[in-house]
Amino acid sequence: MAGSGGRLAFKLLTTLVAIPIGRLVTKGTAKAWVAVRPENPPHDPKRVETTWKDALVWAVVTGFGSAIAQLLTTKGADTAWRGITGRPSPRPKPPKAKKAKGSKGSKGNAKTDGTTIAD
């Protein structure tokens, strides 16, 4: 599969890989928190009972879990794609080039009043 069809199929495969990994990482981070601390994780930082320390530690733990989930999803989908098709996974479509503002032949040092920066 080449082109946009291959990219779409790879996105679908990535979604199929990401869902169970996301669930596992979510449950794993919550279980790790409960194993270290007796209370539930601070899901709502606005609650009065949530301390700054708990909120910050939970943010670090979930951020780390999110990074691990992204890595496992990316590598897992790529490995599955290679196993299914025997080829490398399709690369994302390159971003469209953006036009520079004021690129209608204006000079880089020109101001809007017709003078230049050196004037």
PDB file of N, CA and C in Angstrom:
ATOM      1  N   MET A   1       0.843  -1.181   0.000  1.00  0.00           N
ATOM      2  CA  MET A   1       0.000   0.000   0.000  1.00  0.00           C
ATOM      3  C   MET A   1       0.882   1.235   0.000  1.00  0.00           C
ATOM      4  N   ALA A   2       0.700   2.039  -0.984  1.00  0.00           N
ATOM      5  CA  ALA A   2       1.500   3.250  -1.066  1.00  0.00           C
ATOM      6  C   ALA A   2       0.582   4.459  -1.081  1.00  0.00           C
ATOM      7  N   GLY A   3       1.136   5.594  -0.800  1.00  0.00           N
ATOM      8  CA  GLY A   3       0.379   6.833  -0.872  1.00  0.00           C
ATOM      9  C   GLY A   3      -0.568   7.030   0.291  1.00  0.00           C
ATOM     10  N   SER A   4      -1.644   7.769   0.006  1.00  0.00           N
ATOM     11  CA  SER A   4      -2.573   8.139   1.069  1.00  0.00           C
ATOM     12  C   SER A   4      -3.336   6.942   1.609  1.00  0.00           C
ATOM     13  N   GLY A   5      -3.592   5.913   0.783  1.00  0.00           N
ATOM     14  CA  GLY A   5      -4.263   4.703   1.264  1.00  0.00           C
ATOM     15  C   GLY A   5      -3.431   3.976   2.295  1.00  0.00           C
ATOM     16  N   GLY A   6      -2.133   3.905   2.065  1.00  0.00           N
ATOM     17  CA  GLY A   6      -1.234   3.275   3.021  1.00  0.00           C
ATOM     18  C   GLY A   6      -1.139   4.060   4.315  1.00  0.00           C
ATOM     19  N   ARG A   7      -1.132   5.388   4.197  1.00  0.00           N
ATOM     20  CA  ARG A   7      -1.070   6.226   5.403  1.00  0.00           C
ATOM     21  C   ARG A   7      -2.341   6.070   6.229  1.00  0.00           C
ATOM     22  N   LEU A   8      -3.491   5.998   5.558  1.00  0.00           N
ATOM     23  CA  LEU A   8      -4.756   5.823   6.266  1.00  0.00           C
ATOM     24  C   LEU A   8      -4.795   4.463   6.963  1.00  0.00           C
ATOM     25  N   ALA A   9      -4.366   3.425   6.267  1.00  0.00           N
ATOM     26  CA  ALA A   9      -4.343   2.092   6.875  1.00  0.00           C
ATOM     27  C   ALA A   9      -3.397   2.063   8.073  1.00  0.00           C
ATOM     28  N   PHE A  10      -2.264   2.750   7.967  1.00  0.00           N
ATOM     29  CA  PHE A  10      -1.318   2.789   9.078  1.00  0.00           C
ATOM     30  C   PHE A  10      -1.898   3.554  10.261  1.00  0.00           C
ATOM     31  N   LYS A  11      -2.637   4.634  10.005  1.00  0.00           N
ATOM     32  CA  LYS A  11      -3.288   5.381  11.091  1.00  0.00           C
ATOM     33  C   LYS A  11      -4.309   4.501  11.806  1.00  0.00           C
ATOM     34  N   LEU A  12      -5.067   3.713  11.040  1.00  0.00           N
ATOM     35  CA  LEU A  12      -6.035   2.806  11.652  1.00  0.00           C
ATOM     36  C   LEU A  12      -5.334   1.752  12.505  1.00  0.00           C
ATOM     37  N   LEU A  13      -4.242   1.202  11.988  1.00  0.00           N
ATOM     38  CA  LEU A  13      -3.472   0.219  12.746  1.00  0.00           C
ATOM     39  C   LEU A  13      -2.909   0.849  14.022  1.00  0.00           C
ATOM     40  N   THR A  14      -2.409   2.069  13.917  1.00  0.00           N
ATOM     41  CA  THR A  14      -1.875   2.766  15.081  1.00  0.00           C
ATOM     42  C   THR A  14      -2.959   2.979  16.135  1.00  0.00           C
ATOM     43  N   THR A  15      -4.170   3.308  15.698  1.00  0.00           N
ATOM     44  CA  THR A  15      -5.281   3.479  16.637  1.00  0.00           C
ATOM     45  C   THR A  15      -5.605   2.162  17.330  1.00  0.00           C
ATOM     46  N   LEU A  16      -5.606   1.076  16.571  1.00  0.00           N
ATOM     47  CA  LEU A  16      -5.879  -0.243  17.160  1.00  0.00           C
ATOM     48  C   LEU A  16      -4.814  -0.642  18.172  1.00  0.00           C
ATOM     49  N   VAL A  17      -3.592  -0.231  17.953  1.00  0.00           N
ATOM     50  CA  VAL A  17      -2.505  -0.523  18.895  1.00  0.00           C
ATOM     51  C   VAL A  17      -2.583   0.416  20.101  1.00  0.00           C
ATOM     52  N   ALA A  18      -2.952   1.676  19.873  1.00  0.00           N
ATOM     53  CA  ALA A  18      -2.928   2.695  20.928  1.00  0.00           C
ATOM     54  C   ALA A  18      -3.986   2.473  22.003  1.00  0.00           C
ATOM     55  N   ILE A  19      -5.142   1.971  21.620  1.00  0.00           N
ATOM     56  CA  ILE A  19      -6.236   1.841  22.597  1.00  0.00           C
ATOM     57  C   ILE A  19      -5.871   0.915  23.750  1.00  0.00           C
ATOM     58  N   PRO A  20      -5.441  -0.327  23.498  1.00  0.00           N
ATOM     59  CA  PRO A  20      -5.094  -1.167  24.650  1.00  0.00           C
ATOM     60  C   PRO A  20      -3.869  -0.676  25.415  1.00  0.00           C
ATOM     61  N   ILE A  21      -2.915  -0.100  24.714  1.00  0.00           N
ATOM     62  CA  ILE A  21      -1.726   0.422  25.400  1.00  0.00           C
ATOM     63  C   ILE A  21      -2.118   1.581  26.309  1.00  0.00           C
ATOM     64  N   GLY A  22      -2.973   2.467  25.840  1.00  0.00           N
ATOM     65  CA  GLY A  22      -3.431   3.589  26.665  1.00  0.00           C
ATOM     66  C   GLY A  22      -4.154   3.121  27.916  1.00  0.00           C
ATOM     67  N   ARG A  23      -4.995   2.111  27.761  1.00  0.00           N
ATOM     68  CA  ARG A  23      -5.713   1.572  28.917  1.00  0.00           C
ATOM     69  C   ARG A  23      -4.734   0.947  29.925  1.00  0.00           C
ATOM     70  N   LEU A  24      -3.763   0.184  29.407  1.00  0.00           N
ATOM     71  CA  LEU A  24      -2.784  -0.451  30.300  1.00  0.00           C
ATOM     72  C   LEU A  24      -1.951   0.578  31.046  1.00  0.00           C
ATOM     73  N   VAL A  25      -1.508   1.596  30.349  1.00  0.00           N
ATOM     74  CA  VAL A  25      -0.678   2.624  30.991  1.00  0.00           C
ATOM     75  C   VAL A  25      -1.497   3.401  32.020  1.00  0.00           C
ATOM     76  N   THR A  26      -2.748   3.707  31.708  1.00  0.00           N
ATOM     77  CA  THR A  26      -3.606   4.423  32.661  1.00  0.00           C
ATOM     78  C   THR A  26      -3.788   3.604  33.935  1.00  0.00           C
ATOM     79  N   LYS A  27      -4.104   2.327  33.765  1.00  0.00           N
ATOM     80  CA  LYS A  27      -4.278   1.464  34.940  1.00  0.00           C
ATOM     81  C   LYS A  27      -2.954   1.269  35.676  1.00  0.00           C
ATOM     82  N   GLY A  28      -1.872   1.147  34.915  1.00  0.00           N
ATOM     83  CA  GLY A  28      -0.558   0.951  35.534  1.00  0.00           C
ATOM     84  C   GLY A  28      -0.097   2.120  36.364  1.00  0.00           C
ATOM     85  N   THR A  29      -0.314   3.335  35.873  1.00  0.00           N
ATOM     86  CA  THR A  29       0.099   4.508  36.651  1.00  0.00           C
ATOM     87  C   THR A  29      -0.743   4.641  37.923  1.00  0.00           C
ATOM     88  N   ALA A  30      -2.035   4.346  37.818  1.00  0.00           N
ATOM     89  CA  ALA A  30      -2.896   4.420  39.011  1.00  0.00           C
ATOM     90  C   ALA A  30      -2.495   3.354  40.033  1.00  0.00           C
ATOM     91  N   LYS A  31      -2.184   2.146  39.569  1.00  0.00           N
ATOM     92  CA  LYS A  31      -1.761   1.079  40.489  1.00  0.00           C
ATOM     93  C   LYS A  31      -0.405   1.393  41.117  1.00  0.00           C
ATOM     94  N   ALA A  32       0.485   1.983  40.334  1.00  0.00           N
ATOM     95  CA  ALA A  32       1.795   2.357  40.875  1.00  0.00           C
ATOM     96  C   ALA A  32       1.632   3.410  41.965  1.00  0.00           C
ATOM     97  N   TRP A  33       0.726   4.356  41.755  1.00  0.00           N
ATOM     98  CA  TRP A  33       0.474   5.390  42.760  1.00  0.00           C
ATOM     99  C   TRP A  33      -0.044   4.767  44.040  1.00  0.00           C
ATOM    100  N   VAL A  34      -1.044   3.879  43.921  1.00  0.00           N
ATOM    101  CA  VAL A  34      -1.655   3.260  45.094  1.00  0.00           C
ATOM    102  C   VAL A  34      -0.652   2.355  45.812  1.00  0.00           C
ATOM    103  N   ALA A  35       0.267   1.747  45.083  1.00  0.00           N
ATOM    104  CA  ALA A  35       1.282   0.893  45.714  1.00  0.00           C
ATOM    105  C   ALA A  35       2.230   1.714  46.575  1.00  0.00           C
ATOM    106  N   VAL A  36       2.516   2.934  46.159  1.00  0.00           N
ATOM    107  CA  VAL A  36       3.452   3.784  46.897  1.00  0.00           C
ATOM    108  C   VAL A  36       2.733   4.603  47.962  1.00  0.00           C
ATOM    109  N   ARG A  37       1.533   5.051  47.645  1.00  0.00           N
ATOM    110  CA  ARG A  37       0.780   5.886  48.570  1.00  0.00           C
ATOM    111  C   ARG A  37      -0.560   5.204  48.839  1.00  0.00           C
ATOM    112  N   PRO A  38      -1.066   5.277  50.043  1.00  0.00           N
ATOM    113  CA  PRO A  38      -2.301   4.549  50.369  1.00  0.00           C
ATOM    114  C   PRO A  38      -3.575   5.121  49.738  1.00  0.00           C
ATOM    115  N   GLU A  39      -3.583   6.396  49.387  1.00  0.00           N
ATOM    116  CA  GLU A  39      -4.809   6.996  48.863  1.00  0.00           C
ATOM    117  C   GLU A  39      -4.841   6.958  47.331  1.00  0.00           C
ATOM    118  N   ASN A  40      -5.988   7.265  46.768  1.00  0.00           N
ATOM    119  CA  ASN A  40      -6.154   7.294  45.315  1.00  0.00           C
ATOM    120  C   ASN A  40      -5.362   8.445  44.707  1.00  0.00           C
ATOM    121  N   PRO A  41      -5.028   8.339  43.427  1.00  0.00           N
ATOM    122  CA  PRO A  41      -4.295   9.430  42.764  1.00  0.00           C
ATOM    123  C   PRO A  41      -5.128  10.711  42.722  1.00  0.00           C
ATOM    124  N   PRO A  42      -4.463  11.862  42.743  1.00  0.00           N
ATOM    125  CA  PRO A  42      -5.186  13.145  42.724  1.00  0.00           C
ATOM    126  C   PRO A  42      -5.621  13.522  41.302  1.00  0.00           C
ATOM    127  N   HIS A  43      -6.728  12.960  40.836  1.00  0.00           N
ATOM    128  CA  HIS A  43      -7.198  13.243  39.483  1.00  0.00           C
ATOM    129  C   HIS A  43      -7.694  14.676  39.333  1.00  0.00           C
ATOM    130  N   ASP A  44      -8.159  15.284  40.406  1.00  0.00           N
ATOM    131  CA  ASP A  44      -8.684  16.647  40.343  1.00  0.00           C
ATOM    132  C   ASP A  44      -7.825  17.557  41.227  1.00  0.00           C
ATOM    133  N   PRO A  45      -6.930  18.342  40.629  1.00  0.00           N
ATOM    134  CA  PRO A  45      -6.049  19.193  41.439  1.00  0.00           C
ATOM    135  C   PRO A  45      -6.786  20.326  42.149  1.00  0.00           C
ATOM    136  N   LYS A  46      -8.038  20.611  41.791  1.00  0.00           N
ATOM    137  CA  LYS A  46      -8.790  21.696  42.428  1.00  0.00           C
ATOM    138  C   LYS A  46      -9.372  21.293  43.782  1.00  0.00           C
ATOM    139  N   ARG A  47      -9.362  20.011  44.082  1.00  0.00           N
ATOM    140  CA  ARG A  47      -9.905  19.576  45.371  1.00  0.00           C
ATOM    141  C   ARG A  47      -9.035  20.086  46.509  1.00  0.00           C
ATOM    142  N   VAL A  48      -9.655  20.428  47.597  1.00  0.00           N
ATOM    143  CA  VAL A  48      -8.956  20.997  48.747  1.00  0.00           C
ATOM    144  C   VAL A  48      -7.952  19.993  49.322  1.00  0.00           C
ATOM    145  N   GLU A  49      -8.292  18.719  49.297  1.00  0.00           N
ATOM    146  CA  GLU A  49      -7.423  17.691  49.890  1.00  0.00           C
ATOM    147  C   GLU A  49      -6.140  17.459  49.092  1.00  0.00           C
ATOM    148  N   THR A  50      -6.109  17.894  47.841  1.00  0.00           N
ATOM    149  CA  THR A  50      -4.943  17.670  46.991  1.00  0.00           C
ATOM    150  C   THR A  50      -3.844  18.663  47.340  1.00  0.00           C
ATOM    151  N   THR A  51      -2.691  18.141  47.743  1.00  0.00           N
ATOM    152  CA  THR A  51      -1.554  19.011  48.048  1.00  0.00           C
ATOM    153  C   THR A  51      -0.786  19.319  46.767  1.00  0.00           C
ATOM    154  N   TRP A  52       0.019  20.357  46.834  1.00  0.00           N
ATOM    155  CA  TRP A  52       0.862  20.700  45.689  1.00  0.00           C
ATOM    156  C   TRP A  52       1.802  19.552  45.355  1.00  0.00           C
ATOM    157  N   LYS A  53       2.373  18.958  46.381  1.00  0.00           N
ATOM    158  CA  LYS A  53       3.318  17.865  46.169  1.00  0.00           C
ATOM    159  C   LYS A  53       2.641  16.707  45.436  1.00  0.00           C
ATOM    160  N   ASP A  54       1.453  16.309  45.907  1.00  0.00           N
ATOM    161  CA  ASP A  54       0.747  15.209  45.256  1.00  0.00           C
ATOM    162  C   ASP A  54       0.382  15.549  43.813  1.00  0.00           C
ATOM    163  N   ALA A  55      -0.076  16.764  43.586  1.00  0.00           N
ATOM    164  CA  ALA A  55      -0.462  17.168  42.235  1.00  0.00           C
ATOM    165  C   ALA A  55       0.746  17.170  41.293  1.00  0.00           C
ATOM    166  N   LEU A  56       1.877  17.669  41.760  1.00  0.00           N
ATOM    167  CA  LEU A  56       3.076  17.709  40.921  1.00  0.00           C
ATOM    168  C   LEU A  56       3.630  16.315  40.651  1.00  0.00           C
ATOM    169  N   VAL A  57       3.658  15.476  41.686  1.00  0.00           N
ATOM    170  CA  VAL A  57       4.155  14.106  41.494  1.00  0.00           C
ATOM    171  C   VAL A  57       3.238  13.346  40.534  1.00  0.00           C
ATOM    172  N   TRP A  58       1.926  13.526  40.680  1.00  0.00           N
ATOM    173  CA  TRP A  58       0.988  12.854  39.782  1.00  0.00           C
ATOM    174  C   TRP A  58       1.171  13.350  38.347  1.00  0.00           C
ATOM    175  N   ALA A  59       1.433  14.637  38.166  1.00  0.00           N
ATOM    176  CA  ALA A  59       1.682  15.179  36.827  1.00  0.00           C
ATOM    177  C   ALA A  59       2.926  14.548  36.207  1.00  0.00           C
ATOM    178  N   VAL A  60       3.977  14.371  36.994  1.00  0.00           N
ATOM    179  CA  VAL A  60       5.200  13.743  36.494  1.00  0.00           C
ATOM    180  C   VAL A  60       4.942  12.281  36.139  1.00  0.00           C
ATOM    181  N   VAL A  61       4.238  11.569  37.022  1.00  0.00           N
ATOM    182  CA  VAL A  61       3.962  10.147  36.785  1.00  0.00           C
ATOM    183  C   VAL A  61       3.115   9.967  35.524  1.00  0.00           C
ATOM    184  N   THR A  62       2.064  10.766  35.363  1.00  0.00           N
ATOM    185  CA  THR A  62       1.217  10.619  34.186  1.00  0.00           C
ATOM    186  C   THR A  62       1.927  11.098  32.915  1.00  0.00           C
ATOM    187  N   GLY A  63       2.778  12.095  33.032  1.00  0.00           N
ATOM    188  CA  GLY A  63       3.562  12.537  31.880  1.00  0.00           C
ATOM    189  C   GLY A  63       4.522  11.461  31.421  1.00  0.00           C
ATOM    190  N   PHE A  64       5.172  10.807  32.370  1.00  0.00           N
ATOM    191  CA  PHE A  64       6.074   9.707  32.050  1.00  0.00           C
ATOM    192  C   PHE A  64       5.281   8.558  31.413  1.00  0.00           C
ATOM    193  N   GLY A  65       4.117   8.254  31.984  1.00  0.00           N
ATOM    194  CA  GLY A  65       3.271   7.202  31.429  1.00  0.00           C
ATOM    195  C   GLY A  65       2.820   7.520  30.019  1.00  0.00           C
ATOM    196  N   SER A  66       2.504   8.776  29.771  1.00  0.00           N
ATOM    197  CA  SER A  66       2.087   9.205  28.442  1.00  0.00           C
ATOM    198  C   SER A  66       3.221   9.049  27.428  1.00  0.00           C
ATOM    199  N   ALA A  67       4.428   9.404  27.824  1.00  0.00           N
ATOM    200  CA  ALA A  67       5.580   9.255  26.936  1.00  0.00           C
ATOM    201  C   ALA A  67       5.846   7.784  26.629  1.00  0.00           C
ATOM    202  N   ILE A  68       5.730   6.930  27.636  1.00  0.00           N
ATOM    203  CA  ILE A  68       5.924   5.494  27.430  1.00  0.00           C
ATOM    204  C   ILE A  68       4.838   4.949  26.500  1.00  0.00           C
ATOM    205  N   ALA A  69       3.597   5.381  26.698  1.00  0.00           N
ATOM    206  CA  ALA A  69       2.492   4.928  25.849  1.00  0.00           C
ATOM    207  C   ALA A  69       2.712   5.342  24.397  1.00  0.00           C
ATOM    208  N   GLN A  70       3.193   6.564  24.190  1.00  0.00           N
ATOM    209  CA  GLN A  70       3.447   7.032  22.832  1.00  0.00           C
ATOM    210  C   GLN A  70       4.559   6.204  22.181  1.00  0.00           C
ATOM    211  N   LEU A  71       5.617   5.925  22.932  1.00  0.00           N
ATOM    212  CA  LEU A  71       6.709   5.112  22.408  1.00  0.00           C
ATOM    213  C   LEU A  71       6.231   3.702  22.062  1.00  0.00           C
ATOM    214  N   LEU A  72       5.493   3.075  22.975  1.00  0.00           N
ATOM    215  CA  LEU A  72       5.000   1.720  22.727  1.00  0.00           C
ATOM    216  C   LEU A  72       4.040   1.685  21.541  1.00  0.00           C
ATOM    217  N   THR A  73       3.206   2.689  21.418  1.00  0.00           N
ATOM    218  CA  THR A  73       2.265   2.742  20.301  1.00  0.00           C
ATOM    219  C   THR A  73       2.996   2.896  18.975  1.00  0.00           C
ATOM    220  N   THR A  74       3.930   3.824  18.921  1.00  0.00           N
ATOM    221  CA  THR A  74       4.663   4.075  17.679  1.00  0.00           C
ATOM    222  C   THR A  74       5.462   2.850  17.250  1.00  0.00           C
ATOM    223  N   LYS A  75       6.241   2.303  18.175  1.00  0.00           N
ATOM    224  CA  LYS A  75       7.057   1.132  17.840  1.00  0.00           C
ATOM    225  C   LYS A  75       6.192  -0.103  17.582  1.00  0.00           C
ATOM    226  N   GLY A  76       5.112  -0.252  18.364  1.00  0.00           N
ATOM    227  CA  GLY A  76       4.233  -1.401  18.176  1.00  0.00           C
ATOM    228  C   GLY A  76       3.535  -1.376  16.834  1.00  0.00           C
ATOM    229  N   ALA A  77       3.030  -0.215  16.435  1.00  0.00           N
ATOM    230  CA  ALA A  77       2.354  -0.093  15.143  1.00  0.00           C
ATOM    231  C   ALA A  77       3.337  -0.314  13.999  1.00  0.00           C
ATOM    232  N   ASP A  78       4.546   0.220  14.129  1.00  0.00           N
ATOM    233  CA  ASP A  78       5.554   0.034  13.092  1.00  0.00           C
ATOM    234  C   ASP A  78       5.936  -1.441  12.964  1.00  0.00           C
ATOM    235  N   THR A  79       6.108  -2.114  14.084  1.00  0.00           N
ATOM    236  CA  THR A  79       6.461  -3.532  14.067  1.00  0.00           C
ATOM    237  C   THR A  79       5.326  -4.358  13.456  1.00  0.00           C
ATOM    238  N   ALA A  80       4.082  -4.047  13.841  1.00  0.00           N
ATOM    239  CA  ALA A  80       2.934  -4.769  13.287  1.00  0.00           C
ATOM    240  C   ALA A  80       2.822  -4.526  11.777  1.00  0.00           C
ATOM    241  N   TRP A  81       3.036  -3.278  11.353  1.00  0.00           N
ATOM    242  CA  TRP A  81       2.959  -2.957   9.927  1.00  0.00           C
ATOM    243  C   TRP A  81       4.003  -3.743   9.137  1.00  0.00           C
ATOM    244  N   ARG A  82       5.216  -3.783   9.654  1.00  0.00           N
ATOM    245  CA  ARG A  82       6.278  -4.542   8.965  1.00  0.00           C
ATOM    246  C   ARG A  82       5.951  -6.032   8.916  1.00  0.00           C
ATOM    247  N   GLY A  83       5.356  -6.547   9.992  1.00  0.00           N
ATOM    248  CA  GLY A  83       4.978  -7.955  10.022  1.00  0.00           C
ATOM    249  C   GLY A  83       3.861  -8.278   9.045  1.00  0.00           C
ATOM    250  N   ILE A  84       2.924  -7.354   8.872  1.00  0.00           N
ATOM    251  CA  ILE A  84       1.784  -7.578   7.978  1.00  0.00           C
ATOM    252  C   ILE A  84       2.173  -7.382   6.511  1.00  0.00           C
ATOM    253  N   THR A  85       2.868  -6.286   6.228  1.00  0.00           N
ATOM    254  CA  THR A  85       3.149  -5.938   4.824  1.00  0.00           C
ATOM    255  C   THR A  85       4.548  -6.339   4.366  1.00  0.00           C
ATOM    256  N   GLY A  86       5.470  -6.509   5.285  1.00  0.00           N
ATOM    257  CA  GLY A  86       6.850  -6.808   4.904  1.00  0.00           C
ATOM    258  C   GLY A  86       7.622  -5.586   4.455  1.00  0.00           C
ATOM    259  N   ARG A  87       7.035  -4.419   4.601  1.00  0.00           N
ATOM    260  CA  ARG A  87       7.689  -3.166   4.196  1.00  0.00           C
ATOM    261  C   ARG A  87       7.691  -2.183   5.345  1.00  0.00           C
ATOM    262  N   PRO A  88       8.542  -1.158   5.272  1.00  0.00           N
ATOM    263  CA  PRO A  88       8.524  -0.122   6.310  1.00  0.00           C
ATOM    264  C   PRO A  88       7.185   0.614   6.317  1.00  0.00           C
ATOM    265  N   SER A  89       6.848   1.163   7.464  1.00  0.00           N
ATOM    266  CA  SER A  89       5.591   1.902   7.576  1.00  0.00           C
ATOM    267  C   SER A  89       5.660   3.170   6.736  1.00  0.00           C
ATOM    268  N   PRO A  90       4.492   3.615   6.235  1.00  0.00           N
ATOM    269  CA  PRO A  90       4.486   4.836   5.425  1.00  0.00           C
ATOM    270  C   PRO A  90       4.835   6.058   6.263  1.00  0.00           C
ATOM    271  N   ARG A  91       5.538   6.965   5.665  1.00  0.00           N
ATOM    272  CA  ARG A  91       5.916   8.197   6.356  1.00  0.00           C
ATOM    273  C   ARG A  91       4.772   9.193   6.254  1.00  0.00           C
ATOM    274  N   PRO A  92       4.661  10.084   7.226  1.00  0.00           N
ATOM    275  CA  PRO A  92       3.597  11.088   7.166  1.00  0.00           C
ATOM    276  C   PRO A  92       3.757  11.994   5.955  1.00  0.00           C
ATOM    277  N   LYS A  93       2.641  12.552   5.531  1.00  0.00           N
ATOM    278  CA  LYS A  93       2.662  13.477   4.411  1.00  0.00           C
ATOM    279  C   LYS A  93       3.460  14.705   4.815  1.00  0.00           C
ATOM    280  N   PRO A  94       4.365  15.180   3.952  1.00  0.00           N
ATOM    281  CA  PRO A  94       5.146  16.374   4.329  1.00  0.00           C
ATOM    282  C   PRO A  94       4.227  17.578   4.473  1.00  0.00           C
ATOM    283  N   PRO A  95       4.534  18.464   5.427  1.00  0.00           N
ATOM    284  CA  PRO A  95       3.689  19.651   5.623  1.00  0.00           C
ATOM    285  C   PRO A  95       3.772  20.580   4.420  1.00  0.00           C
ATOM    286  N   LYS A  96       2.662  21.263   4.172  1.00  0.00           N
ATOM    287  CA  LYS A  96       2.649  22.235   3.078  1.00  0.00           C
ATOM    288  C   LYS A  96       3.505  23.430   3.444  1.00  0.00           C
ATOM    289  N   ALA A  97       4.193  23.968   2.454  1.00  0.00           N
ATOM    290  CA  ALA A  97       5.025  25.145   2.687  1.00  0.00           C
ATOM    291  C   ALA A  97       4.129  26.351   2.911  1.00  0.00           C
ATOM    292  N   LYS A  98       4.442  27.122   3.930  1.00  0.00           N
ATOM    293  CA  LYS A  98       3.672  28.323   4.229  1.00  0.00           C
ATOM    294  C   LYS A  98       4.294  29.510   3.504  1.00  0.00           C
ATOM    295  N   LYS A  99       3.435  30.375   3.003  1.00  0.00           N
ATOM    296  CA  LYS A  99       3.928  31.591   2.380  1.00  0.00           C
ATOM    297  C   LYS A  99       4.340  32.567   3.461  1.00  0.00           C
ATOM    298  N   ALA A 100       5.458  33.202   3.260  1.00  0.00           N
ATOM    299  CA  ALA A 100       5.930  34.195   4.223  1.00  0.00           C
ATOM    300  C   ALA A 100       5.062  35.440   4.109  1.00  0.00           C
ATOM    301  N   LYS A 101       4.804  36.077   5.239  1.00  0.00           N
ATOM    302  CA  LYS A 101       4.016  37.303   5.231  1.00  0.00           C
ATOM    303  C   LYS A 101       4.769  38.396   4.496  1.00  0.00           C
ATOM    304  N   GLY A 102       4.093  39.110   3.674  1.00  0.00           N
ATOM    305  CA  GLY A 102       4.711  40.225   2.960  1.00  0.00           C
ATOM    306  C   GLY A 102       5.673  39.761   1.895  1.00  0.00           C
ATOM    307  N   SER A 103       5.439  38.601   1.300  1.00  0.00           N
ATOM    308  CA  SER A 103       6.382  38.078   0.321  1.00  0.00           C
ATOM    309  C   SER A 103       6.050  38.530  -1.099  1.00  0.00           C
ATOM    310  N   LYS A 104       5.367  39.642  -1.263  1.00  0.00           N
ATOM    311  CA  LYS A 104       5.016  40.157  -2.584  1.00  0.00           C
ATOM    312  C   LYS A 104       6.143  41.023  -3.131  1.00  0.00           C
ATOM    313  N   GLY A 105       7.328  40.508  -3.116  1.00  0.00           N
ATOM    314  CA  GLY A 105       8.456  41.228  -3.673  1.00  0.00           C
ATOM    315  C   GLY A 105       9.039  42.275  -2.753  1.00  0.00           C
ATOM    316  N   SER A 106       8.601  42.344  -1.518  1.00  0.00           N
ATOM    317  CA  SER A 106       9.145  43.354  -0.610  1.00  0.00           C
ATOM    318  C   SER A 106      10.527  42.933  -0.145  1.00  0.00           C
ATOM    319  N   LYS A 107      11.341  43.907   0.134  1.00  0.00           N
ATOM    320  CA  LYS A 107      12.680  43.632   0.625  1.00  0.00           C
ATOM    321  C   LYS A 107      12.619  43.321   2.106  1.00  0.00           C
ATOM    322  N   GLY A 108      13.561  42.547   2.584  1.00  0.00           N
ATOM    323  CA  GLY A 108      13.571  42.146   3.972  1.00  0.00           C
ATOM    324  C   GLY A 108      13.679  43.298   4.946  1.00  0.00           C
ATOM    325  N   ASN A 109      14.330  44.395   4.563  1.00  0.00           N
ATOM    326  CA  ASN A 109      14.530  45.517   5.488  1.00  0.00           C
ATOM    327  C   ASN A 109      13.539  46.649   5.269  1.00  0.00           C
ATOM    328  N   ALA A 110      12.553  46.470   4.398  1.00  0.00           N
ATOM    329  CA  ALA A 110      11.633  47.566   4.102  1.00  0.00           C
ATOM    330  C   ALA A 110      10.565  47.674   5.186  1.00  0.00           C
ATOM    331  N   LYS A 111      10.249  48.912   5.566  1.00  0.00           N
ATOM    332  CA  LYS A 111       9.163  49.184   6.482  1.00  0.00           C
ATOM    333  C   LYS A 111       7.907  49.482   5.673  1.00  0.00           C
ATOM    334  N   THR A 112       6.774  49.570   6.351  1.00  0.00           N
ATOM    335  CA  THR A 112       5.527  49.852   5.629  1.00  0.00           C
ATOM    336  C   THR A 112       5.447  51.273   5.083  1.00  0.00           C
ATOM    337  N   ASP A 113       6.215  52.206   5.630  1.00  0.00           N
ATOM    338  CA  ASP A 113       6.150  53.589   5.151  1.00  0.00           C
ATOM    339  C   ASP A 113       7.119  53.859   4.002  1.00  0.00           C
ATOM    340  N   GLY A 114       7.771  52.810   3.482  1.00  0.00           N
ATOM    341  CA  GLY A 114       8.657  52.983   2.334  1.00  0.00           C
ATOM    342  C   GLY A 114      10.107  53.175   2.702  1.00  0.00           C
ATOM    343  N   THR A 115      10.425  53.450   3.960  1.00  0.00           N
ATOM    344  CA  THR A 115      11.817  53.595   4.377  1.00  0.00           C
ATOM    345  C   THR A 115      12.370  52.217   4.728  1.00  0.00           C
ATOM    346  N   THR A 116      13.651  52.151   4.878  1.00  0.00           N
ATOM    347  CA  THR A 116      14.291  50.906   5.282  1.00  0.00           C
ATOM    348  C   THR A 116      14.816  51.067   6.696  1.00  0.00           C
ATOM    349  N   ILE A 117      15.173  49.941   7.296  1.00  0.00           N
ATOM    350  CA  ILE A 117      15.677  49.957   8.670  1.00  0.00           C
ATOM    351  C   ILE A 117      16.967  50.753   8.764  1.00  0.00           C
ATOM    352  N   ALA A 118      17.774  50.722   7.725  1.00  0.00           N
ATOM    353  CA  ALA A 118      19.044  51.436   7.746  1.00  0.00           C
ATOM    354  C   ALA A 118      18.847  52.950   7.606  1.00  0.00           C
ATOM    355  N   ASP A 119      17.652  53.411   7.173  1.00  0.00           N
ATOM    356  CA  ASP A 119      17.430  54.856   6.981  1.00  0.00           C
ATOM    357  C   ASP A 119      17.394  55.610   8.266  1.00  0.00           C
TER     358      ASP A 119
END
